[in-house]
């Protein structure tokens, strides 16, 4: 930034003299030979750092010119130094200050004094310029902040409206889900009666006329019976799935080992037939719904036996994480116990680890393994109903591990029992 200085004197030699003294300082000069010419320049130019003006000029004196200059708001910031050859009285000097002067320089001009005084006012101009620039920046920043605050307020209002709409949608969705669960429960319940009749009459038909049916007829009857059995299993699973949402759930402090023993007793014959080894470690007491947890364990143990390898005996290990009291929490302050169901079965590709918990999702056909595709979806719903999580890790032909994470109760009690092998 090169400061501009306006030089006003009715003598060109005086203007040239002042310019030659100040030129080495790098200033930009504009010159006027009269007060009127100076006023004309100031109509379009008003960013001067300083005006050096002679007092004694024809037509308009320096004092008169200064008074006219300071009548304009845009020019009042420009300091004026009067240059004069006379030594005026105090009253006359006061008149100059009243007209707007900030200082006087007397002729003959002392070059060092001129440079010093000009330098002071130029430095003030530079500082003021920087302050004004900073002020403009602050004004712009404030405007941007105000705009951002207004946008945030508008966004917050929009968010409030959206949250309200979301809550309404959630309420409607929950209501619709409950109605859907009730419908599924009632529909599945009502389907059982005609299905029982289909199975009963197909059995009677086969028993009474089995000697009359040819091979193809017996095949048809067998298919009817198998389809009826699969449908019965499907309805039973749908009913179980629906009951989780429809029925009220009672949570109580329960021994997971005891609940697992109940399930294993139901599988006793299958365990013996398949030569399955089940190893159960110490599991904790937790606040759970015993009926739902039995159903969870029933599906996980059943899957481990069902999806076994043909040429090796199944081995199922059930254990809790060794230091489950020190488990990391989920950020909400709740701590979790991880229970592992590990098997050496056929396994599956890890990319299906999330899909297998979907409703009716199956990785194998009925020809390979019987099932409805509801079991693991039921497991997920039970675990989520307990505010927990379920996941799976698996490799093809190396087995699978299902991990059930359940919240630890506030008063944790442990069962001191050794590893149990069946």
Protein backbone atom coordinates (compact mmCIF):
# COMPACT_ATOMS: atom_id res chain seq x y z
CA UNK A 1 0.00 0.00 0.00
CA UNK A 2 1.44 3.39 -1.12
CA UNK A 3 -0.11 6.30 0.82
CA UNK A 4 -1.36 9.25 -1.26
CA UNK A 5 -0.65 12.86 -0.28
CA UNK A 6 -2.47 15.89 -1.69
CA UNK A 7 -0.21 18.97 -2.11
CA UNK A 8 -2.03 22.33 -2.39
CA UNK A 9 -0.14 25.58 -3.16
CA UNK A 10 -0.67 28.39 -5.65
CA UNK A 11 3.02 28.24 -6.61
CA UNK A 12 4.25 25.32 -8.71
CA UNK A 13 7.84 25.71 -7.46
CA UNK A 14 6.67 25.20 -3.86
CA UNK A 15 4.80 22.03 -4.88
CA UNK A 16 7.89 20.73 -6.68
CA UNK A 17 10.07 21.51 -3.69
CA UNK A 18 7.85 19.60 -1.22
CA UNK A 19 7.52 16.68 -3.65
CA UNK A 20 11.30 16.40 -4.05
CA UNK A 21 11.76 16.25 -0.27
CA UNK A 22 9.12 13.52 0.29
CA UNK A 23 9.49 11.52 -2.94
CA UNK A 24 12.20 9.14 -1.59
CA UNK A 25 9.71 7.88 1.03
CA UNK A 26 7.63 6.22 -1.69
CA UNK A 27 4.49 8.34 -1.41
CA UNK A 28 2.06 9.02 -4.27
CA UNK A 29 1.38 12.73 -4.87
CA UNK A 30 -1.52 14.67 -6.32
CA UNK A 31 -1.09 18.43 -6.73
CA UNK A 32 -3.46 21.34 -6.85
CA UNK A 33 -2.58 25.01 -7.61
CA UNK A 34 -5.64 26.40 -5.79
CA UNK A 35 -8.24 25.59 -3.20
CA UNK A 36 -10.89 25.11 -5.87
CA UNK A 37 -8.66 22.66 -7.78
CA UNK A 38 -8.10 20.76 -4.54
CA UNK A 39 -11.86 20.55 -3.92
CA UNK A 40 -12.35 19.34 -7.49
CA UNK A 41 -9.82 16.52 -6.92
CA UNK A 42 -11.51 15.59 -3.64
CA UNK A 43 -14.84 15.09 -5.41
CA UNK A 44 -13.58 11.77 -6.76
CA UNK A 45 -10.54 11.03 -4.60
CA UNK A 46 -10.88 10.73 -0.83
CA UNK A 47 -8.39 8.07 0.21
CA UNK A 48 -5.56 10.47 1.05
CA UNK A 49 -3.27 9.87 4.00
CA UNK A 50 -2.56 13.61 4.38
CA UNK A 51 -3.15 17.07 2.84
CA UNK A 52 -0.27 19.60 2.85
CA UNK A 53 -1.82 22.99 2.09
CA UNK A 54 -0.54 26.56 1.87
CA UNK A 55 -2.48 29.09 3.95
CA UNK A 56 -2.04 32.13 1.68
CA UNK A 57 -3.76 31.40 -1.64
CA UNK A 58 -5.87 33.72 -3.87
CA UNK A 59 -9.65 33.32 -4.05
CA UNK A 60 -9.87 30.55 -1.40
CA UNK A 61 -7.39 30.62 1.45
CA UNK A 62 -6.14 27.46 3.09
CA UNK A 63 -8.48 27.98 6.08
CA UNK A 64 -11.52 28.45 3.80
CA UNK A 65 -10.58 25.42 1.71
CA UNK A 66 -10.16 23.29 4.84
CA UNK A 67 -13.61 24.33 6.11
CA UNK A 68 -15.20 23.31 2.81
CA UNK A 69 -13.30 20.01 2.78
CA UNK A 70 -14.53 19.04 6.26
CA UNK A 71 -18.12 19.73 5.34
CA UNK A 72 -18.09 16.36 3.53
CA UNK A 73 -18.41 13.31 5.77
CA UNK A 74 -16.11 11.21 3.57
CA UNK A 75 -13.25 13.72 3.87
CA UNK A 76 -13.28 14.42 7.61
CA UNK A 77 -10.77 11.64 8.33
CA UNK A 78 -8.00 13.31 6.23
CA UNK A 79 -5.55 15.30 8.38
CA UNK A 80 -4.45 18.73 7.06
CA UNK A 81 -1.06 20.34 7.78
CA UNK A 82 -0.93 24.04 6.94
CA UNK A 83 2.26 25.47 5.41
CA UNK A 84 2.81 29.16 6.00
CA UNK A 85 5.56 31.79 5.87
CA UNK A 86 3.96 33.92 8.61
CA UNK A 87 4.27 33.56 12.33
CA UNK A 88 0.64 34.01 13.33
CA UNK A 89 -0.74 35.01 16.66
CA UNK A 90 -2.36 32.45 18.88
CA UNK A 91 -5.81 33.62 17.76
CA UNK A 92 -4.92 33.15 14.12
CA UNK A 93 -3.41 29.71 14.78
CA UNK A 94 -6.55 28.76 16.72
CA UNK A 95 -8.58 29.71 13.64
CA UNK A 96 -6.54 27.24 11.61
CA UNK A 97 -7.10 24.45 14.10
CA UNK A 98 -10.78 25.31 14.17
CA UNK A 99 -10.87 25.01 10.38
CA UNK A 100 -9.53 21.46 10.71
CA UNK A 101 -5.77 21.71 10.77
CA UNK A 102 -3.82 19.17 12.78
CA UNK A 103 -0.44 20.93 12.58
CA UNK A 104 1.62 23.78 11.07
CA UNK A 105 4.90 23.82 9.16
CA UNK A 106 6.62 27.18 8.70
CA UNK A 107 8.64 28.35 5.74
CA UNK A 108 11.43 28.02 4.99
CA UNK A 109 10.62 24.35 5.37
CA UNK A 110 12.85 22.22 7.56
CA UNK A 111 13.15 19.05 5.49
CA UNK A 112 13.81 16.76 8.48
CA UNK A 113 10.84 18.17 10.37
CA UNK A 114 8.61 17.85 7.29
CA UNK A 115 9.58 14.23 6.80
CA UNK A 116 9.05 13.42 10.47
CA UNK A 117 5.60 15.03 10.68
CA UNK A 118 4.43 13.49 7.41
CA UNK A 119 5.76 10.10 8.54
CA UNK A 120 3.73 10.27 11.78
CA UNK A 121 0.45 10.99 9.97
CA UNK A 122 1.13 8.42 7.24
CA UNK A 123 1.74 5.78 9.90
CA UNK A 124 -1.53 6.73 11.60
CA UNK A 125 -3.25 6.45 8.21
CA UNK A 126 -1.80 2.95 7.68
CA UNK A 127 -2.93 1.82 11.12
CA UNK A 128 -6.40 3.24 10.56
CA UNK A 129 -6.51 1.55 7.17
CA UNK A 130 -5.65 -1.79 8.76
CA UNK A 131 -8.22 -1.24 11.52
CA UNK A 132 -10.89 -0.40 8.94
CA UNK A 133 -9.97 -3.49 6.92
CA UNK A 134 -10.14 -5.61 10.07
CA UNK A 135 -13.47 -4.01 10.95
CA UNK A 136 -14.82 -4.91 7.52
CA UNK A 137 -13.63 -8.46 7.99
CA UNK A 138 -15.29 -8.64 11.39
CA UNK A 139 -18.50 -7.23 9.95
CA UNK A 140 -18.40 -9.85 7.19
CA UNK A 141 -17.67 -12.58 9.74
CA UNK A 142 -20.54 -11.38 11.92
CA UNK A 143 -22.87 -11.40 8.93
CA UNK A 144 -21.77 -14.93 8.09
CA UNK A 145 -22.25 -15.98 11.71
CA UNK A 146 -25.70 -14.42 11.78
CA UNK A 147 -26.55 -16.22 8.55
CA UNK A 148 -25.23 -19.51 9.96
CA UNK A 149 -27.15 -19.01 13.21
CA UNK A 150 -30.31 -18.30 11.27
CA UNK A 151 -29.71 -21.38 9.15
CA UNK A 152 -29.08 -23.44 12.28
CA UNK A 153 -32.30 -22.14 13.82
CA UNK A 154 -34.16 -23.04 10.67
CA UNK A 155 -32.45 -26.44 10.62
CA UNK A 156 -33.31 -27.00 14.28
CA UNK A 157 -36.92 -26.17 13.58
CA UNK A 158 -36.88 -28.55 10.63
CA UNK A 159 -35.24 -31.22 12.81
CA UNK A 160 -37.92 -30.72 15.47
CA UNK A 161 -40.63 -31.16 12.86
CA UNK A 162 -38.86 -34.18 11.37
CA UNK A 163 -38.33 -35.70 14.84
CA UNK A 164 -41.99 -35.19 15.63
CA UNK A 165 -42.95 -36.81 12.32
CA UNK A 166 -40.45 -39.59 12.98
CA UNK A 167 -41.90 -40.25 16.43
CA UNK A 168 -45.37 -40.37 14.91
CA UNK A 169 -44.11 -42.77 12.22
CA UNK A 170 -42.42 -44.93 14.86
CA UNK A 171 -45.63 -45.05 16.88
CA UNK A 172 -47.62 -45.98 13.79
CA UNK A 173 -45.01 -48.56 12.81
CA UNK A 174 -44.96 -50.09 16.29
CA UNK A 175 -48.73 -50.22 16.28
CA UNK A 176 -48.73 -51.78 12.80
CA UNK A 177 -46.08 -54.31 13.86
CA UNK A 178 -48.11 -55.29 16.90
CA UNK A 179 -51.21 -55.68 14.75
CA UNK A 180 -49.18 -57.69 12.25
CA UNK A 181 -47.82 -59.91 15.03
CA UNK A 182 -51.36 -60.42 16.37
CA UNK A 183 -52.56 -61.21 12.87
CA UNK A 184 -49.72 -63.69 12.32
CA UNK A 185 -50.47 -65.27 15.69
CA UNK A 186 -54.19 -65.57 15.01
CA UNK A 187 -53.72 -66.68 11.40
CA UNK A 188 -51.16 -69.32 12.36
CA UNK A 189 -53.39 -70.51 15.18
CA UNK A 190 -56.43 -70.77 12.87
CA UNK A 191 -54.39 -72.58 10.20
CA UNK A 192 -53.61 -75.45 12.55
CA UNK A 193 -57.14 -76.86 12.63
CA UNK A 194 -57.57 -77.39 8.85
CA UNK A 195 -53.98 -78.61 8.68
CA UNK A 196 -54.64 -81.20 11.37
CA UNK A 197 -57.63 -82.43 9.35
CA UNK A 198 -55.52 -82.61 6.17
CA UNK A 199 -52.92 -84.72 7.96
CA UNK A 200 -55.52 -86.85 9.75
CA UNK A 201 -57.56 -87.63 6.61
CA UNK A 202 -54.44 -88.26 4.52
CA UNK A 203 -53.31 -90.79 7.18
CA UNK A 204 -56.74 -92.45 7.18
CA UNK A 205 -56.78 -92.49 3.39
CA UNK A 206 -53.40 -94.20 3.28
CA UNK A 207 -54.24 -96.75 6.00
CA UNK A 208 -57.58 -97.73 4.44
CA UNK A 209 -56.58 -97.78 0.79
CA UNK A 210 -52.84 -98.50 0.86
CA UNK A 211 -53.41 -101.90 -0.76
CA UNK A 212 -55.35 -100.27 -3.61
CA UNK A 213 -52.86 -97.43 -4.36
CA UNK A 214 -50.18 -98.11 -6.92
CA UNK A 215 -46.61 -96.85 -6.46
CA UNK A 216 -47.43 -93.41 -7.86
CA UNK A 217 -50.48 -93.04 -5.62
CA UNK A 218 -48.46 -93.95 -2.52
CA UNK A 219 -45.86 -91.35 -3.60
CA UNK A 220 -48.54 -88.65 -3.78
CA UNK A 221 -49.88 -89.53 -0.34
CA UNK A 222 -46.33 -89.47 1.06
CA UNK A 223 -45.76 -86.02 -0.43
CA UNK A 224 -49.01 -84.75 1.08
CA UNK A 225 -47.94 -86.02 4.50
CA UNK A 226 -44.45 -84.54 4.22
CA UNK A 227 -45.82 -81.19 3.04
CA UNK A 228 -48.30 -81.19 5.93
CA UNK A 229 -45.53 -81.94 8.41
CA UNK A 230 -43.38 -79.09 7.04
CA UNK A 231 -46.34 -76.72 7.17
CA UNK A 232 -47.03 -77.77 10.76
CA UNK A 233 -43.43 -76.95 11.68
CA UNK A 234 -43.63 -73.61 9.85
CA UNK A 235 -46.85 -72.63 11.65
CA UNK A 236 -45.34 -73.63 14.97
CA UNK A 237 -42.27 -71.44 14.30
CA UNK A 238 -44.42 -68.48 13.19
CA UNK A 239 -46.51 -68.81 16.35
CA UNK A 240 -43.36 -68.87 18.48
CA UNK A 241 -41.99 -65.81 16.66
CA UNK A 242 -45.27 -63.89 17.07
CA UNK A 243 -45.62 -64.72 20.75
CA UNK A 244 -42.44 -62.77 21.53
CA UNK A 245 -44.19 -59.49 20.63
CA UNK A 246 -47.74 -60.40 21.65
CA UNK A 247 -47.15 -61.97 25.04
CA UNK A 248 -45.96 -60.06 28.10
CA UNK A 249 -42.49 -61.05 29.10
CA UNK A 250 -41.50 -61.75 32.71
CA UNK A 251 -37.80 -61.30 33.42
CA UNK A 252 -36.25 -63.01 36.40
CA UNK A 253 -32.82 -63.89 37.75
CA UNK A 254 -32.02 -67.22 36.09
CA UNK A 255 -29.18 -69.69 35.86
CA UNK A 256 -28.20 -70.03 32.21
CA UNK A 257 -26.65 -73.41 33.00
CA UNK A 258 -30.00 -74.68 34.33
CA UNK A 259 -31.87 -73.39 31.27
CA UNK A 260 -29.31 -75.01 28.97
CA UNK A 261 -29.62 -78.33 30.86
CA UNK A 262 -33.37 -78.28 30.24
CA UNK A 263 -32.74 -77.88 26.50
CA UNK A 264 -30.05 -80.57 26.40
CA UNK A 265 -32.41 -83.04 28.11
CA UNK A 266 -34.84 -82.53 25.21
CA UNK A 267 -32.07 -83.35 22.74
CA UNK A 268 -30.86 -86.38 24.71
CA UNK A 269 -31.97 -88.95 22.11
CA UNK A 270 -30.53 -86.95 19.17
CA UNK A 271 -27.26 -86.43 21.03
CA UNK A 272 -26.92 -90.19 21.49
CA UNK A 273 -28.00 -91.06 17.94
CA UNK A 274 -25.49 -88.66 16.37
CA UNK A 275 -22.72 -89.40 18.92
CA UNK A 276 -22.59 -85.67 19.76
CA UNK A 277 -20.31 -84.32 22.48
CA UNK A 278 -21.58 -81.22 24.27
CA UNK A 279 -19.21 -79.32 26.55
CA UNK A 280 -20.76 -76.70 28.83
CA UNK A 281 -18.64 -74.30 30.86
CA UNK A 282 -19.68 -72.09 33.74
CA UNK A 283 -22.37 -69.60 32.70
CA UNK A 284 -23.66 -66.64 34.74
CA UNK A 285 -26.97 -65.79 36.36
CA UNK A 286 -28.77 -63.10 34.32
CA UNK A 287 -32.08 -61.24 34.35
CA UNK A 288 -33.85 -63.00 31.45
CA UNK A 289 -37.13 -64.41 30.28
CA UNK A 290 -36.52 -68.14 30.94
CA UNK A 291 -38.97 -69.36 28.28
CA UNK A 292 -37.43 -67.22 25.54
CA UNK A 293 -33.86 -68.11 26.51
CA UNK A 294 -34.77 -71.83 26.40
CA UNK A 295 -36.10 -71.24 22.88
CA UNK A 296 -32.87 -69.41 21.97
CA UNK A 297 -30.69 -72.25 23.30
CA UNK A 298 -32.98 -74.83 21.67
CA UNK A 299 -32.47 -73.31 18.21
CA UNK A 300 -28.70 -72.86 18.56
CA UNK A 301 -28.10 -76.39 19.87
CA UNK A 302 -30.51 -77.84 17.29
CA UNK A 303 -28.69 -76.06 14.44
CA UNK A 304 -25.31 -77.28 15.68
CA UNK A 305 -26.57 -80.88 15.59
CA UNK A 306 -28.48 -80.49 12.31
CA UNK A 307 -25.63 -78.92 10.32
CA UNK A 308 -23.03 -81.53 11.32
CA UNK A 309 -20.49 -83.09 8.97
CA UNK A 310 -21.35 -86.54 7.70
CA UNK A 311 -18.05 -88.24 8.46
CA UNK A 312 -17.25 -86.91 11.94
CA UNK A 313 -18.93 -86.77 15.34
CA UNK A 314 -20.35 -83.39 16.30
CA UNK A 315 -18.66 -81.43 19.09
CA UNK A 316 -20.53 -78.49 20.61
CA UNK A 317 -18.90 -76.13 23.11
CA UNK A 318 -20.89 -73.60 25.13
CA UNK A 319 -18.97 -71.13 27.24
CA UNK A 320 -18.97 -67.55 28.47
CA UNK A 321 -16.10 -65.14 27.99
CA UNK A 322 -13.56 -65.93 30.71
CA UNK A 323 -13.60 -62.42 32.28
CA UNK A 324 -17.13 -61.47 31.43
CA UNK A 325 -17.32 -59.08 34.41
CA UNK A 326 -14.68 -56.93 32.69
CA UNK A 327 -16.39 -56.80 29.28
CA UNK A 328 -16.32 -53.52 27.45
CA UNK A 329 -19.62 -51.70 27.38
CA UNK A 330 -21.50 -50.37 24.34
CA UNK A 331 -21.13 -46.71 25.26
CA UNK A 332 -24.45 -46.59 27.13
CA UNK A 333 -22.98 -47.75 30.46
CA UNK A 334 -24.30 -51.30 30.05
CA UNK A 335 -21.91 -54.23 30.34
CA UNK A 336 -22.42 -57.45 28.45
CA UNK A 337 -21.70 -61.13 28.89
CA UNK A 338 -20.75 -63.01 25.74
CA UNK A 339 -21.94 -66.59 25.45
CA UNK A 340 -20.38 -68.70 22.69
CA UNK A 341 -21.96 -71.68 20.89
CA UNK A 342 -19.13 -73.29 18.97
CA UNK A 343 -19.44 -76.36 16.71
CA UNK A 344 -17.34 -78.31 14.22
CA UNK A 345 -20.07 -78.58 11.59
CA UNK A 346 -20.26 -77.77 7.90
CA UNK A 347 -20.05 -74.01 8.47
CA UNK A 348 -20.86 -71.37 5.88
CA UNK A 349 -19.23 -68.45 4.06
CA UNK A 350 -18.70 -65.44 6.33
CA UNK A 351 -20.37 -63.12 3.81
CA UNK A 352 -23.71 -64.67 4.83
CA UNK A 353 -23.13 -63.97 8.56
CA UNK A 354 -25.74 -61.19 8.67
CA UNK A 355 -28.18 -62.61 6.13
CA UNK A 356 -28.75 -65.85 8.06
CA UNK A 357 -30.65 -63.92 10.75
CA UNK A 358 -33.24 -62.75 8.22
CA UNK A 359 -36.77 -64.13 8.19
CA UNK A 360 -37.11 -67.27 6.01
CA UNK A 361 -33.44 -66.99 4.97
CA UNK A 362 -31.89 -70.40 4.29
CA UNK A 363 -28.49 -71.33 2.84
CA UNK A 364 -29.53 -74.92 2.08
CA UNK A 365 -32.52 -76.51 0.36
CA UNK A 366 -35.05 -78.79 2.09
CA UNK A 367 -33.46 -81.68 0.21
CA UNK A 368 -30.20 -81.15 2.13
CA UNK A 369 -31.48 -79.99 5.51
CA UNK A 370 -35.05 -79.57 6.69
CA UNK A 371 -36.11 -76.24 8.17
CA UNK A 372 -38.31 -73.18 7.83
CA UNK A 373 -35.73 -70.38 7.91
CA UNK A 374 -37.30 -68.86 11.01
CA UNK A 375 -35.02 -70.31 13.71
CA UNK A 376 -32.18 -67.76 13.58
CA UNK A 377 -34.59 -64.86 13.00
CA UNK A 378 -36.31 -66.01 16.18
CA UNK A 379 -32.93 -66.10 17.98
CA UNK A 380 -32.19 -62.53 16.88
CA UNK A 381 -35.58 -61.28 18.04
CA UNK A 382 -35.20 -62.99 21.43
CA UNK A 383 -31.72 -61.51 21.98
CA UNK A 384 -32.83 -58.02 20.89
CA UNK A 385 -35.83 -58.33 23.19
CA UNK A 386 -33.25 -58.76 25.98
CA UNK A 387 -31.43 -55.59 24.77
CA UNK A 388 -28.55 -57.74 23.50
CA UNK A 389 -26.83 -58.71 20.27
CA UNK A 390 -26.16 -61.88 18.30
CA UNK A 391 -23.54 -62.50 15.62
CA UNK A 392 -21.82 -65.42 13.90
CA UNK A 393 -18.34 -66.37 12.70
CA UNK A 394 -17.88 -69.32 10.38
CA UNK A 395 -15.72 -71.04 7.77
CA UNK A 396 -16.89 -73.66 5.32
CA UNK A 397 -16.12 -77.20 6.63
CA UNK A 398 -14.51 -75.77 9.78
CA UNK A 399 -17.60 -75.06 11.87
CA UNK A 400 -19.45 -72.05 13.22
CA UNK A 401 -19.49 -69.95 16.38
CA UNK A 402 -22.60 -68.03 17.40
CA UNK A 403 -21.97 -65.22 19.91
CA UNK A 404 -24.84 -64.09 22.12
CA UNK A 405 -24.21 -60.85 24.04
CA UNK A 406 -26.63 -60.26 26.92
CA UNK A 407 -26.61 -57.36 29.41
CA UNK A 408 -25.15 -58.17 32.82
CA UNK A 409 -27.54 -57.61 35.71
CA UNK A 410 -26.57 -55.19 38.47
CA UNK A 411 -26.15 -57.91 41.13
CA UNK A 412 -24.12 -60.57 39.34
CA UNK A 413 -23.94 -64.09 40.86
CA UNK A 414 -21.84 -66.83 39.37
CA UNK A 415 -22.39 -70.57 39.36
CA UNK A 416 -19.33 -72.44 40.57
CA UNK A 417 -19.53 -75.62 38.58
CA UNK A 418 -16.92 -77.44 36.48
CA UNK A 419 -17.00 -78.06 32.75
CA UNK A 420 -19.72 -80.56 31.96
CA UNK A 421 -19.32 -83.05 29.10
CA UNK A 422 -22.27 -84.99 27.71
